[in-house]
Amino acid sequence: MNNSHLDADSFGPVVRKGWSALVNAVGADGKLGWVQPVGGAPDSVYETDSHLYGVGAFLLAASEMLQAG
């Protein structure tokens, strides 16, 4: 949306809903949970699972949300 590849009217509500889910994955201690470990296939995840690449992706999404206003 920030680069005009997606229509804000159509995709804005979906993006905000997804962002809300990501924010809710941050625990009271500030740790991002529910991050799948690196692997070749999907696996079970838990609230306590966190990995650096997940936090990086979260921060990238946060920067895009901030830019969107």
PDB file of N, CA and C in Angstrom:
ATOM      1  N   MET A   1       0.820  -1.182   0.000  1.00  0.00           N
ATOM      2  CA  MET A   1       0.000   0.000   0.000  1.00  0.00           C
ATOM      3  C   MET A   1       0.867   1.250   0.000  1.00  0.00           C
ATOM      4  N   ASN A   2       1.961   1.221   0.761  1.00  0.00           N
ATOM      5  CA  ASN A   2       2.827   2.400   0.823  1.00  0.00           C
ATOM      6  C   ASN A   2       3.487   2.693  -0.505  1.00  0.00           C
ATOM      7  N   ASN A   3       3.613   1.698  -1.365  1.00  0.00           N
ATOM      8  CA  ASN A   3       4.246   1.877  -2.671  1.00  0.00           C
ATOM      9  C   ASN A   3       3.245   1.800  -3.811  1.00  0.00           C
ATOM     10  N   SER A   4       1.970   1.896  -3.466  1.00  0.00           N
ATOM     11  CA  SER A   4       0.861   1.905  -4.440  1.00  0.00           C
ATOM     12  C   SER A   4       0.717   0.604  -5.218  1.00  0.00           C
ATOM     13  N   HIS A   5       1.209  -0.498  -4.659  1.00  0.00           N
ATOM     14  CA  HIS A   5       1.017  -1.788  -5.303  1.00  0.00           C
ATOM     15  C   HIS A   5      -0.329  -2.400  -4.912  1.00  0.00           C
ATOM     16  N   LEU A   6      -0.835  -2.010  -3.763  1.00  0.00           N
ATOM     17  CA  LEU A   6      -2.123  -2.497  -3.270  1.00  0.00           C
ATOM     18  C   LEU A   6      -3.030  -1.310  -2.992  1.00  0.00           C
ATOM     19  N   ASP A   7      -4.301  -1.471  -3.302  1.00  0.00           N
ATOM     20  CA  ASP A   7      -5.294  -0.431  -3.069  1.00  0.00           C
ATOM     21  C   ASP A   7      -5.588  -0.323  -1.571  1.00  0.00           C
ATOM     22  N   ALA A   8      -5.395   0.859  -1.013  1.00  0.00           N
ATOM     23  CA  ALA A   8      -5.574   1.064   0.431  1.00  0.00           C
ATOM     24  C   ALA A   8      -7.015   0.828   0.875  1.00  0.00           C
ATOM     25  N   ASP A   9      -7.985   1.185   0.044  1.00  0.00           N
ATOM     26  CA  ASP A   9      -9.386   0.978   0.429  1.00  0.00           C
ATOM     27  C   ASP A   9      -9.725  -0.505   0.513  1.00  0.00           C
ATOM     28  N   SER A  10      -9.173  -1.289  -0.400  1.00  0.00           N
ATOM     29  CA  SER A  10      -9.465  -2.721  -0.419  1.00  0.00           C
ATOM     30  C   SER A  10      -8.651  -3.501   0.608  1.00  0.00           C
ATOM     31  N   PHE A  11      -7.366  -3.164   0.725  1.00  0.00           N
ATOM     32  CA  PHE A  11      -6.471  -3.967   1.548  1.00  0.00           C
ATOM     33  C   PHE A  11      -6.195  -3.372   2.929  1.00  0.00           C
ATOM     34  N   GLY A  12      -6.524  -2.118   3.134  1.00  0.00           N
ATOM     35  CA  GLY A  12      -6.276  -1.465   4.413  1.00  0.00           C
ATOM     36  C   GLY A  12      -6.865  -2.209   5.607  1.00  0.00           C
ATOM     37  N   PRO A  13      -8.150  -2.598   5.550  1.00  0.00           N
ATOM     38  CA  PRO A  13      -8.723  -3.323   6.686  1.00  0.00           C
ATOM     39  C   PRO A  13      -8.012  -4.650   6.973  1.00  0.00           C
ATOM     40  N   VAL A  14      -7.590  -5.351   5.940  1.00  0.00           N
ATOM     41  CA  VAL A  14      -6.883  -6.626   6.112  1.00  0.00           C
ATOM     42  C   VAL A  14      -5.508  -6.386   6.732  1.00  0.00           C
ATOM     43  N   VAL A  15      -4.817  -5.361   6.263  1.00  0.00           N
ATOM     44  CA  VAL A  15      -3.494  -5.031   6.792  1.00  0.00           C
ATOM     45  C   VAL A  15      -3.608  -4.660   8.271  1.00  0.00           C
ATOM     46  N   ARG A  16      -4.590  -3.843   8.631  1.00  0.00           N
ATOM     47  CA  ARG A  16      -4.760  -3.443  10.033  1.00  0.00           C
ATOM     48  C   ARG A  16      -5.123  -4.635  10.914  1.00  0.00           C
ATOM     49  N   LYS A  17      -5.911  -5.556  10.402  1.00  0.00           N
ATOM     50  CA  LYS A  17      -6.261  -6.763  11.162  1.00  0.00           C
ATOM     51  C   LYS A  17      -5.020  -7.630  11.385  1.00  0.00           C
ATOM     52  N   GLY A  18      -4.191  -7.778  10.353  1.00  0.00           N
ATOM     53  CA  GLY A  18      -2.954  -8.539  10.482  1.00  0.00           C
ATOM     54  C   GLY A  18      -1.994  -7.885  11.455  1.00  0.00           C
ATOM     55  N   TRP A  19      -1.892  -6.557  11.402  1.00  0.00           N
ATOM     56  CA  TRP A  19      -1.012  -5.837  12.324  1.00  0.00           C
ATOM     57  C   TRP A  19      -1.487  -6.023  13.772  1.00  0.00           C
ATOM     58  N   SER A  20      -2.795  -5.982  13.965  1.00  0.00           N
ATOM     59  CA  SER A  20      -3.348  -6.192  15.299  1.00  0.00           C
ATOM     60  C   SER A  20      -2.970  -7.571  15.837  1.00  0.00           C
ATOM     61  N   ALA A  21      -3.016  -8.578  14.987  1.00  0.00           N
ATOM     62  CA  ALA A  21      -2.627  -9.934  15.403  1.00  0.00           C
ATOM     63  C   ALA A  21      -1.154  -9.981  15.782  1.00  0.00           C
ATOM     64  N   LEU A  22      -0.308  -9.301  15.016  1.00  0.00           N
ATOM     65  CA  LEU A  22       1.119  -9.272  15.337  1.00  0.00           C
ATOM     66  C   LEU A  22       1.376  -8.576  16.670  1.00  0.00           C
ATOM     67  N   VAL A  23       0.711  -7.456  16.893  1.00  0.00           N
ATOM     68  CA  VAL A  23       0.882  -6.720  18.146  1.00  0.00           C
ATOM     69  C   VAL A  23       0.444  -7.582  19.328  1.00  0.00           C
ATOM     70  N   ASN A  24      -0.616  -8.350  19.143  1.00  0.00           N
ATOM     71  CA  ASN A  24      -1.106  -9.220  20.217  1.00  0.00           C
ATOM     72  C   ASN A  24      -0.162 -10.385  20.498  1.00  0.00           C
ATOM     73  N   ALA A  25       0.787 -10.637  19.606  1.00  0.00           N
ATOM     74  CA  ALA A  25       1.768 -11.707  19.821  1.00  0.00           C
ATOM     75  C   ALA A  25       2.942 -11.228  20.676  1.00  0.00           C
ATOM     76  N   VAL A  26       2.949  -9.936  21.036  1.00  0.00           N
ATOM     77  CA  VAL A  26       3.995  -9.398  21.909  1.00  0.00           C
ATOM     78  C   VAL A  26       3.540  -9.574  23.355  1.00  0.00           C
ATOM     79  N   GLY A  27       4.346 -10.261  24.138  1.00  0.00           N
ATOM     80  CA  GLY A  27       4.003 -10.526  25.529  1.00  0.00           C
ATOM     81  C   GLY A  27       4.182  -9.303  26.417  1.00  0.00           C
ATOM     82  N   ALA A  28       3.737  -9.421  27.650  1.00  0.00           N
ATOM     83  CA  ALA A  28       3.855  -8.334  28.626  1.00  0.00           C
ATOM     84  C   ALA A  28       5.317  -7.956  28.877  1.00  0.00           C
ATOM     85  N   ASP A  29       6.212  -8.918  28.651  1.00  0.00           N
ATOM     86  CA  ASP A  29       7.645  -8.656  28.843  1.00  0.00           C
ATOM     87  C   ASP A  29       8.294  -8.022  27.612  1.00  0.00           C
ATOM     88  N   GLY A  30       7.513  -7.793  26.549  1.00  0.00           N
ATOM     89  CA  GLY A  30       8.025  -7.182  25.330  1.00  0.00           C
ATOM     90  C   GLY A  30       8.583  -8.165  24.325  1.00  0.00           C
ATOM     91  N   LYS A  31       8.502  -9.449  24.635  1.00  0.00           N
ATOM     92  CA  LYS A  31       9.060 -10.479  23.755  1.00  0.00           C
ATOM     93  C   LYS A  31       7.999 -10.907  22.718  1.00  0.00           C
ATOM     94  N   LEU A  32       8.417 -10.968  21.457  1.00  0.00           N
ATOM     95  CA  LEU A  32       7.535 -11.442  20.397  1.00  0.00           C
ATOM     96  C   LEU A  32       7.466 -12.957  20.448  1.00  0.00           C
ATOM     97  N   GLY A  33       6.285 -13.486  20.582  1.00  0.00           N
ATOM     98  CA  GLY A  33       6.095 -14.931  20.656  1.00  0.00           C
ATOM     99  C   GLY A  33       5.450 -15.484  19.411  1.00  0.00           C
ATOM    100  N   TRP A  34       5.238 -16.771  19.411  1.00  0.00           N
ATOM    101  CA  TRP A  34       4.581 -17.495  18.319  1.00  0.00           C
ATOM    102  C   TRP A  34       5.384 -17.444  17.019  1.00  0.00           C
ATOM    103  N   VAL A  35       6.714 -17.346  17.107  1.00  0.00           N
ATOM    104  CA  VAL A  35       7.565 -17.292  15.916  1.00  0.00           C
ATOM    105  C   VAL A  35       8.055 -18.704  15.601  1.00  0.00           C
ATOM    106  N   GLN A  36       7.739 -19.178  14.405  1.00  0.00           N
ATOM    107  CA  GLN A  36       8.131 -20.527  14.004  1.00  0.00           C
ATOM    108  C   GLN A  36       9.645 -20.624  13.869  1.00  0.00           C
ATOM    109  N   PRO A  37      10.235 -21.697  14.388  1.00  0.00           N
ATOM    110  CA  PRO A  37      11.685 -21.866  14.245  1.00  0.00           C
ATOM    111  C   PRO A  37      12.079 -22.128  12.791  1.00  0.00           C
ATOM    112  N   VAL A  38      13.339 -21.879  12.488  1.00  0.00           N
ATOM    113  CA  VAL A  38      13.853 -22.136  11.147  1.00  0.00           C
ATOM    114  C   VAL A  38      13.779 -23.631  10.879  1.00  0.00           C
ATOM    115  N   GLY A  39      13.282 -23.997   9.708  1.00  0.00           N
ATOM    116  CA  GLY A  39      13.184 -25.399   9.353  1.00  0.00           C
ATOM    117  C   GLY A  39      12.702 -25.557   7.928  1.00  0.00           C
ATOM    118  N   GLY A  40      12.652 -26.777   7.475  1.00  0.00           N
ATOM    119  CA  GLY A  40      12.258 -27.052   6.110  1.00  0.00           C
ATOM    120  C   GLY A  40      10.767 -27.196   5.911  1.00  0.00           C
ATOM    121  N   ALA A  41      10.004 -27.216   7.005  1.00  0.00           N
ATOM    122  CA  ALA A  41       8.562 -27.413   6.900  1.00  0.00           C
ATOM    123  C   ALA A  41       7.875 -26.764   8.100  1.00  0.00           C
ATOM    124  N   PRO A  42       6.596 -26.500   7.999  1.00  0.00           N
ATOM    125  CA  PRO A  42       5.865 -25.950   9.144  1.00  0.00           C
ATOM    126  C   PRO A  42       5.974 -26.877  10.350  1.00  0.00           C
ATOM    127  N   ASP A  43       5.964 -26.275  11.522  1.00  0.00           N
ATOM    128  CA  ASP A  43       6.076 -27.039  12.756  1.00  0.00           C
ATOM    129  C   ASP A  43       5.186 -26.385  13.803  1.00  0.00           C
ATOM    130  N   SER A  44       5.036 -27.032  14.923  1.00  0.00           N
ATOM    131  CA  SER A  44       4.264 -26.468  16.025  1.00  0.00           C
ATOM    132  C   SER A  44       5.002 -25.264  16.600  1.00  0.00           C
ATOM    133  N   VAL A  45       4.227 -24.263  17.012  1.00  0.00           N
ATOM    134  CA  VAL A  45       4.809 -23.102  17.674  1.00  0.00           C
ATOM    135  C   VAL A  45       4.051 -22.837  18.965  1.00  0.00           C
ATOM    136  N   TYR A  46       4.738 -22.137  19.856  1.00  0.00           N
ATOM    137  CA  TYR A  46       4.158 -21.835  21.154  1.00  0.00           C
ATOM    138  C   TYR A  46       4.363 -20.364  21.471  1.00  0.00           C
ATOM    139  N   GLU A  47       3.624 -19.887  22.429  1.00  0.00           N
ATOM    140  CA  GLU A  47       3.709 -18.483  22.828  1.00  0.00           C
ATOM    141  C   GLU A  47       5.138 -18.086  23.202  1.00  0.00           C
ATOM    142  N   THR A  48       5.892 -18.994  23.734  1.00  0.00           N
ATOM    143  CA  THR A  48       7.256 -18.704  24.182  1.00  0.00           C
ATOM    144  C   THR A  48       8.296 -18.782  23.067  1.00  0.00           C
ATOM    145  N   ASP A  49       7.913 -19.219  21.870  1.00  0.00           N
ATOM    146  CA  ASP A  49       8.860 -19.339  20.754  1.00  0.00           C
ATOM    147  C   ASP A  49       9.135 -17.967  20.137  1.00  0.00           C
ATOM    148  N   SER A  50      10.411 -17.591  20.113  1.00  0.00           N
ATOM    149  CA  SER A  50      10.823 -16.327  19.516  1.00  0.00           C
ATOM    150  C   SER A  50      12.177 -16.516  18.841  1.00  0.00           C
ATOM    151  N   HIS A  51      12.374 -15.840  17.724  1.00  0.00           N
ATOM    152  CA  HIS A  51      13.626 -15.934  16.983  1.00  0.00           C
ATOM    153  C   HIS A  51      13.955 -14.570  16.398  1.00  0.00           C
ATOM    154  N   LEU A  52      15.230 -14.308  16.197  1.00  0.00           N
ATOM    155  CA  LEU A  52      15.657 -12.995  15.724  1.00  0.00           C
ATOM    156  C   LEU A  52      15.013 -12.595  14.405  1.00  0.00           C
ATOM    157  N   TYR A  53      14.918 -13.536  13.466  1.00  0.00           N
ATOM    158  CA  TYR A  53      14.362 -13.150  12.167  1.00  0.00           C
ATOM    159  C   TYR A  53      12.900 -12.743  12.295  1.00  0.00           C
ATOM    160  N   GLY A  54      12.182 -13.339  13.241  1.00  0.00           N
ATOM    161  CA  GLY A  54      10.783 -12.963  13.470  1.00  0.00           C
ATOM    162  C   GLY A  54      10.675 -11.553  14.005  1.00  0.00           C
ATOM    163  N   VAL A  55      11.553 -11.202  14.918  1.00  0.00           N
ATOM    164  CA  VAL A  55      11.569  -9.853  15.472  1.00  0.00           C
ATOM    165  C   VAL A  55      11.924  -8.846  14.380  1.00  0.00           C
ATOM    166  N   GLY A  56      12.878  -9.195  13.524  1.00  0.00           N
ATOM    167  CA  GLY A  56      13.244  -8.307  12.417  1.00  0.00           C
ATOM    168  C   GLY A  56      12.079  -8.067  11.472  1.00  0.00           C
ATOM    169  N   ALA A  57      11.347  -9.122  11.146  1.00  0.00           N
ATOM    170  CA  ALA A  57      10.184  -8.982  10.268  1.00  0.00           C
ATOM    171  C   ALA A  57       9.107  -8.131  10.939  1.00  0.00           C
ATOM    172  N   PHE A  58       8.941  -8.316  12.246  1.00  0.00           N
ATOM    173  CA  PHE A  58       7.980  -7.511  13.002  1.00  0.00           C
ATOM    174  C   PHE A  58       8.353  -6.032  12.932  1.00  0.00           C
ATOM    175  N   LEU A  59       9.635  -5.721  13.124  1.00  0.00           N
ATOM    176  CA  LEU A  59      10.078  -4.329  13.072  1.00  0.00           C
ATOM    177  C   LEU A  59       9.929  -3.737  11.671  1.00  0.00           C
ATOM    178  N   LEU A  60      10.148  -4.534  10.649  1.00  0.00           N
ATOM    179  CA  LEU A  60       9.935  -4.061   9.281  1.00  0.00           C
ATOM    180  C   LEU A  60       8.455  -3.744   9.054  1.00  0.00           C
ATOM    181  N   ALA A  61       7.586  -4.627   9.515  1.00  0.00           N
ATOM    182  CA  ALA A  61       6.145  -4.379   9.398  1.00  0.00           C
ATOM    183  C   ALA A  61       5.758  -3.125  10.177  1.00  0.00           C
ATOM    184  N   ALA A  62       6.354  -2.940  11.355  1.00  0.00           N
ATOM    185  CA  ALA A  62       6.061  -1.756  12.162  1.00  0.00           C
ATOM    186  C   ALA A  62       6.460  -0.472  11.428  1.00  0.00           C
ATOM    187  N   SER A  63       7.602  -0.500  10.750  1.00  0.00           N
ATOM    188  CA  SER A  63       8.041   0.679  10.023  1.00  0.00           C
ATOM    189  C   SER A  63       7.093   1.003   8.863  1.00  0.00           C
ATOM    190  N   GLU A  64       6.550  -0.033   8.227  1.00  0.00           N
ATOM    191  CA  GLU A  64       5.589   0.184   7.142  1.00  0.00           C
ATOM    192  C   GLU A  64       4.266   0.733   7.681  1.00  0.00           C
ATOM    193  N   MET A  65       3.847   0.240   8.851  1.00  0.00           N
ATOM    194  CA  MET A  65       2.613   0.737   9.459  1.00  0.00           C
ATOM    195  C   MET A  65       2.789   2.199   9.878  1.00  0.00           C
ATOM    196  N   LEU A  66       3.948   2.535  10.402  1.00  0.00           N
ATOM    197  CA  LEU A  66       4.217   3.917  10.800  1.00  0.00           C
ATOM    198  C   LEU A  66       4.216   4.824   9.577  1.00  0.00           C
ATOM    199  N   GLN A  67       4.798   4.358   8.503  1.00  0.00           N
ATOM    200  CA  GLN A  67       4.848   5.147   7.264  1.00  0.00           C
ATOM    201  C   GLN A  67       3.439   5.353   6.701  1.00  0.00           C
ATOM    202  N   ALA A  68       2.579   4.347   6.842  1.00  0.00           N
ATOM    203  CA  ALA A  68       1.219   4.433   6.313  1.00  0.00           C
ATOM    204  C   ALA A  68       0.389   5.451   7.082  1.00  0.00           C
ATOM    205  N   GLY A  69       0.769   5.662   8.338  1.00  0.00           N
ATOM    206  CA  GLY A  69       0.053   6.651   9.146  1.00  0.00           C
ATOM    207  C   GLY A  69      -1.111   6.059   9.771  1.00  0.00           C
TER     208      GLY A  69
END
